Amino acid sequence: MSTTEEQPEPVQYDEGFGPEIGVGPHPEPWPQDERYDPELLAGGDRRNVVDRYRYWTREAVVADLDTRRHDFHVAVENWGHDFNIGSVVRTANAFLAKEVHIVGRRRWNRRGAMVTDRYQHVRHHPDTASLTSWAAAEGIPVIGIDNLPGAVPLERTVLPRRCVLLFGQEGPGLTEEARAHVEMVCSIAQFGSTRSINAGAAAAIAMHAWVQRYAEIDAP
């Protein structure tokens, strides 16, 4: 989880736009289960969490997520305080990544995360060598995602079940150091006039490619 000083969780992530989300106070008698938060039971739960976690404490939500996390990790280079990192963290939470790794600056823009970093394990590495050294010790290959010459199309690649998906920051993409340490680089097919998509979008596409192959999808 994020180790910075925490602020109260917002009532809802849309900051007042659209219909109110969540549920009001729980009718009595209250459930007798330590996972439930008495304050939420009494006052209602307006957090942007799925229904199964209504009224649960944050610690209980994280503990339950930890029993089901997927085998992929997400890493982002953070040399210029990239605003996309928050979006990457939010998507990693949605797809239940094992961990998010911030490479470079420890501080990152949390606005786009919409408080999901409270439910997602986030680890810091001072540089790319530190990340890849950690991954090597864990036996996890690091896969770079960037549209570089010689990159392998993601659409034709079978990602390893256990892997770290590494993204560069907005603009420069993967650093030379990162390119030197990854097992391979995958590109994302584009068909329009723009040279690139933003790092948050690229991360979502790559994570979903993993999910399509390995995640257990409930039948409709």
Protein backbone atom coordinates (compact mmCIF):
# COMPACT_ATOMS: atom_id res chain seq x y z
CA MET A 1 0.00 0.00 0.00
CA SER A 2 0.97 3.60 -0.28
CA THR A 3 3.00 4.70 2.73
CA THR A 4 2.42 8.46 2.43
CA GLU A 5 0.21 10.32 4.91
CA GLU A 6 -3.36 9.41 4.10
CA GLN A 7 -6.23 11.83 3.63
CA PRO A 8 -9.88 10.92 4.16
CA GLU A 9 -11.22 8.84 1.31
CA PRO A 10 -13.50 10.91 -0.93
CA VAL A 11 -17.21 10.25 -0.78
CA GLN A 12 -17.13 9.26 -4.42
CA TYR A 13 -14.62 9.50 -7.24
CA ASP A 14 -16.65 11.64 -9.60
CA GLU A 15 -16.34 14.62 -7.22
CA GLY A 16 -19.99 15.52 -7.30
CA PHE A 17 -20.83 14.80 -10.94
CA GLY A 18 -23.61 12.38 -11.77
CA PRO A 19 -25.73 10.30 -9.41
CA GLU A 20 -24.52 9.51 -5.93
CA ILE A 21 -22.94 6.09 -5.60
CA GLY A 22 -22.82 3.65 -2.75
CA VAL A 23 -25.28 2.75 -0.02
CA GLY A 24 -26.72 4.40 3.07
CA PRO A 25 -26.57 3.17 6.67
CA HIS A 26 -26.94 -0.58 7.07
CA PRO A 27 -30.29 -1.64 8.54
CA GLU A 28 -30.14 -3.28 11.94
CA PRO A 29 -29.27 -5.82 13.09
CA TRP A 30 -25.74 -5.26 11.82
CA PRO A 31 -23.68 -8.21 10.54
CA GLN A 32 -21.39 -9.66 13.20
CA ASP A 33 -18.20 -10.00 11.21
CA GLU A 34 -14.85 -8.35 11.93
CA ARG A 35 -14.53 -7.40 8.25
CA TYR A 36 -17.25 -4.78 8.65
CA ASP A 37 -16.48 -1.19 9.66
CA PRO A 38 -18.88 0.10 12.36
CA GLU A 39 -18.56 3.68 11.09
CA LEU A 40 -19.56 2.64 7.58
CA LEU A 41 -22.42 0.51 8.88
CA ALA A 42 -23.72 3.50 10.81
CA GLY A 43 -23.12 6.24 8.26
CA GLY A 44 -23.26 4.47 4.92
CA ASP A 45 -20.57 3.55 2.40
CA ARG A 46 -20.10 5.94 -0.51
CA ARG A 47 -16.68 4.62 -1.58
CA ASN A 48 -16.20 3.55 -5.17
CA VAL A 49 -15.80 -0.15 -4.41
CA VAL A 50 -17.64 -3.13 -5.86
CA ASP A 51 -20.74 -4.26 -3.99
CA ARG A 52 -19.11 -7.29 -2.36
CA TYR A 53 -16.91 -4.91 -0.33
CA ARG A 54 -19.66 -2.60 0.91
CA TYR A 55 -19.16 -1.68 4.58
CA TRP A 56 -15.87 -3.60 4.78
CA THR A 57 -12.80 -2.03 6.36
CA ARG A 58 -10.03 -1.15 3.97
CA GLU A 59 -7.79 -3.75 5.61
CA ALA A 60 -10.40 -6.44 5.02
CA VAL A 61 -10.75 -5.46 1.37
CA VAL A 62 -6.99 -5.63 0.84
CA ALA A 63 -6.75 -8.99 2.61
CA ASP A 64 -9.43 -10.43 0.35
CA LEU A 65 -7.81 -9.01 -2.79
CA ASP A 66 -4.51 -10.56 -1.71
CA THR A 67 -6.05 -14.03 -1.93
CA ARG A 68 -6.89 -13.50 -5.61
CA ARG A 69 -4.19 -11.26 -7.09
CA HIS A 70 -2.92 -12.09 -10.55
CA ASP A 71 0.65 -13.05 -11.38
CA PHE A 72 1.61 -9.96 -13.37
CA HIS A 73 3.31 -6.85 -12.00
CA VAL A 74 3.29 -3.35 -13.48
CA ALA A 75 6.28 -1.01 -13.37
CA VAL A 76 6.48 2.63 -14.46
CA GLU A 77 9.53 4.82 -14.85
CA ASN A 78 9.01 8.09 -12.96
CA TRP A 79 11.75 10.55 -13.83
CA GLY A 80 9.55 13.57 -14.53
CA HIS A 81 6.58 13.25 -12.14
CA ASP A 82 4.42 11.71 -14.87
CA PHE A 83 0.70 12.40 -14.36
CA ASN A 84 -0.15 9.06 -16.03
CA ILE A 85 1.10 7.00 -13.10
CA GLY A 86 -2.09 7.49 -11.13
CA SER A 87 -4.10 6.15 -14.05
CA VAL A 88 -1.78 3.15 -14.30
CA VAL A 89 -2.27 2.39 -10.60
CA ARG A 90 -6.05 2.63 -10.93
CA THR A 91 -6.03 0.22 -13.88
CA ALA A 92 -3.66 -2.14 -12.06
CA ASN A 93 -6.19 -2.25 -9.23
CA ALA A 94 -9.03 -2.94 -11.67
CA PHE A 95 -7.13 -5.85 -13.24
CA LEU A 96 -5.79 -7.01 -9.83
CA ALA A 97 -2.06 -6.76 -10.50
CA LYS A 98 0.21 -8.37 -7.95
CA GLU A 99 2.13 -5.13 -7.37
CA VAL A 100 2.85 -1.75 -8.94
CA HIS A 101 6.50 -0.68 -9.05
CA ILE A 102 7.48 2.99 -9.24
CA VAL A 103 10.97 3.39 -10.71
CA GLY A 104 12.86 6.64 -10.10
CA ARG A 105 11.28 9.40 -8.07
CA ARG A 106 9.48 8.16 -5.00
CA ARG A 107 6.80 10.85 -5.17
CA TRP A 108 4.20 10.47 -7.89
CA ASN A 109 0.97 12.20 -8.88
CA ARG A 110 -1.78 10.29 -7.09
CA ARG A 111 -4.74 12.25 -8.42
CA GLY A 112 -5.43 9.85 -11.28
CA ALA A 113 -5.30 6.85 -8.92
CA MET A 114 -8.57 7.98 -7.30
CA VAL A 115 -7.48 6.44 -3.99
CA THR A 116 -7.04 2.97 -5.48
CA ASP A 117 -3.42 2.96 -4.25
CA ARG A 118 -4.91 2.26 -0.82
CA TYR A 119 -5.99 -1.14 -2.11
CA GLN A 120 -2.94 -1.85 -4.29
CA HIS A 121 0.57 -2.87 -3.23
CA VAL A 122 3.02 -0.23 -4.46
CA ARG A 123 6.79 -0.74 -4.30
CA HIS A 124 9.51 1.83 -5.02
CA HIS A 125 12.83 1.25 -6.82
CA PRO A 126 15.44 4.03 -7.12
CA ASP A 127 16.43 2.97 -10.63
CA THR A 128 15.74 0.40 -13.33
CA ALA A 129 18.69 -1.75 -12.28
CA SER A 130 17.12 -2.10 -8.84
CA LEU A 131 13.82 -3.21 -10.39
CA THR A 132 15.40 -5.76 -12.68
CA SER A 133 17.64 -7.06 -9.89
CA TRP A 134 14.54 -7.62 -7.75
CA ALA A 135 12.73 -9.30 -10.65
CA ALA A 136 15.70 -11.58 -11.37
CA ALA A 137 15.83 -12.67 -7.73
CA GLU A 138 12.12 -13.51 -7.93
CA GLY A 139 12.52 -15.31 -11.26
CA ILE A 140 10.15 -12.90 -13.02
CA PRO A 141 10.94 -11.67 -16.56
CA VAL A 142 10.63 -7.94 -17.27
CA ILE A 143 8.77 -7.09 -20.48
CA GLY A 144 9.09 -3.55 -21.84
CA ILE A 145 6.10 -1.97 -23.57
CA ASP A 146 7.04 0.69 -26.13
CA ASN A 147 6.75 1.27 -29.86
CA LEU A 148 10.44 0.97 -30.64
CA PRO A 149 12.23 -0.31 -33.75
CA GLY A 150 12.53 -4.09 -33.48
CA ALA A 151 9.77 -4.41 -30.88
CA VAL A 152 7.58 -7.51 -31.06
CA PRO A 153 3.85 -6.84 -31.65
CA LEU A 154 1.96 -7.35 -28.41
CA GLU A 155 -0.96 -8.66 -30.44
CA ARG A 156 1.18 -11.61 -31.58
CA THR A 157 2.97 -12.22 -28.32
CA VAL A 158 2.15 -14.68 -25.55
CA LEU A 159 3.08 -12.83 -22.39
CA PRO A 160 4.55 -14.98 -19.60
CA ARG A 161 2.11 -15.76 -16.82
CA ARG A 162 4.53 -14.33 -14.28
CA CYS A 163 5.96 -11.10 -15.60
CA VAL A 164 6.65 -7.44 -14.97
CA LEU A 165 5.19 -5.10 -17.58
CA LEU A 166 7.49 -2.07 -17.69
CA PHE A 167 6.41 1.29 -19.11
CA GLY A 168 8.37 4.45 -19.74
CA GLN A 169 7.09 7.87 -18.84
CA GLU A 170 5.02 10.06 -21.13
CA GLY A 171 7.07 11.45 -24.02
CA PRO A 172 10.48 9.77 -23.99
CA GLY A 173 9.16 6.26 -23.33
CA LEU A 174 11.51 3.59 -22.01
CA THR A 175 14.94 4.86 -21.04
CA GLU A 176 18.09 3.39 -22.54
CA GLU A 177 18.80 1.74 -19.19
CA ALA A 178 15.39 0.08 -19.22
CA ARG A 179 15.82 -1.15 -22.78
CA ALA A 180 19.12 -2.72 -21.80
CA HIS A 181 17.60 -4.66 -18.91
CA VAL A 182 14.31 -6.01 -20.28
CA GLU A 183 13.90 -9.50 -21.71
CA MET A 184 12.00 -8.13 -24.71
CA VAL A 185 10.03 -5.09 -25.84
CA CYS A 186 6.46 -5.35 -27.11
CA SER A 187 4.78 -2.73 -29.27
CA ILE A 188 1.08 -1.85 -29.47
CA ALA A 189 -0.41 -1.63 -32.96
CA GLN A 190 -1.52 1.87 -34.03
CA PHE A 191 -3.27 2.95 -37.20
CA GLY A 192 -3.77 6.72 -36.99
CA SER A 193 -1.58 9.79 -37.36
CA THR A 194 -0.38 10.17 -33.76
CA ARG A 195 3.08 8.88 -32.92
CA SER A 196 2.00 7.32 -29.65
CA ILE A 197 -0.75 6.76 -27.11
CA ASN A 198 -0.27 7.89 -23.54
CA ALA A 199 1.33 5.65 -20.96
CA GLY A 200 -1.92 5.13 -19.08
CA ALA A 201 -3.69 3.83 -22.17
CA ALA A 202 -0.74 1.64 -23.15
CA ALA A 203 -0.65 0.11 -19.68
CA ALA A 204 -4.36 -0.67 -19.80
CA ILE A 205 -4.00 -2.39 -23.18
CA ALA A 206 -1.04 -4.49 -22.03
CA MET A 207 -2.69 -5.51 -18.77
CA HIS A 208 -5.85 -6.51 -20.60
CA ALA A 209 -3.79 -8.63 -23.00
CA TRP A 210 -2.55 -10.56 -19.97
CA VAL A 211 -6.07 -10.79 -18.53
CA GLN A 212 -7.51 -12.14 -21.78
CA ARG A 213 -5.06 -15.03 -21.72
CA TYR A 214 -4.81 -15.96 -18.05
CA ALA A 215 -7.62 -14.54 -15.92
CA GLU A 216 -10.65 -16.59 -14.96
CA ILE A 217 -13.59 -14.78 -16.55
CA ASP A 218 -17.00 -15.48 -15.06
CA ALA A 219 -19.64 -16.59 -17.53
CA PRO A 220 -22.38 -13.99 -18.19
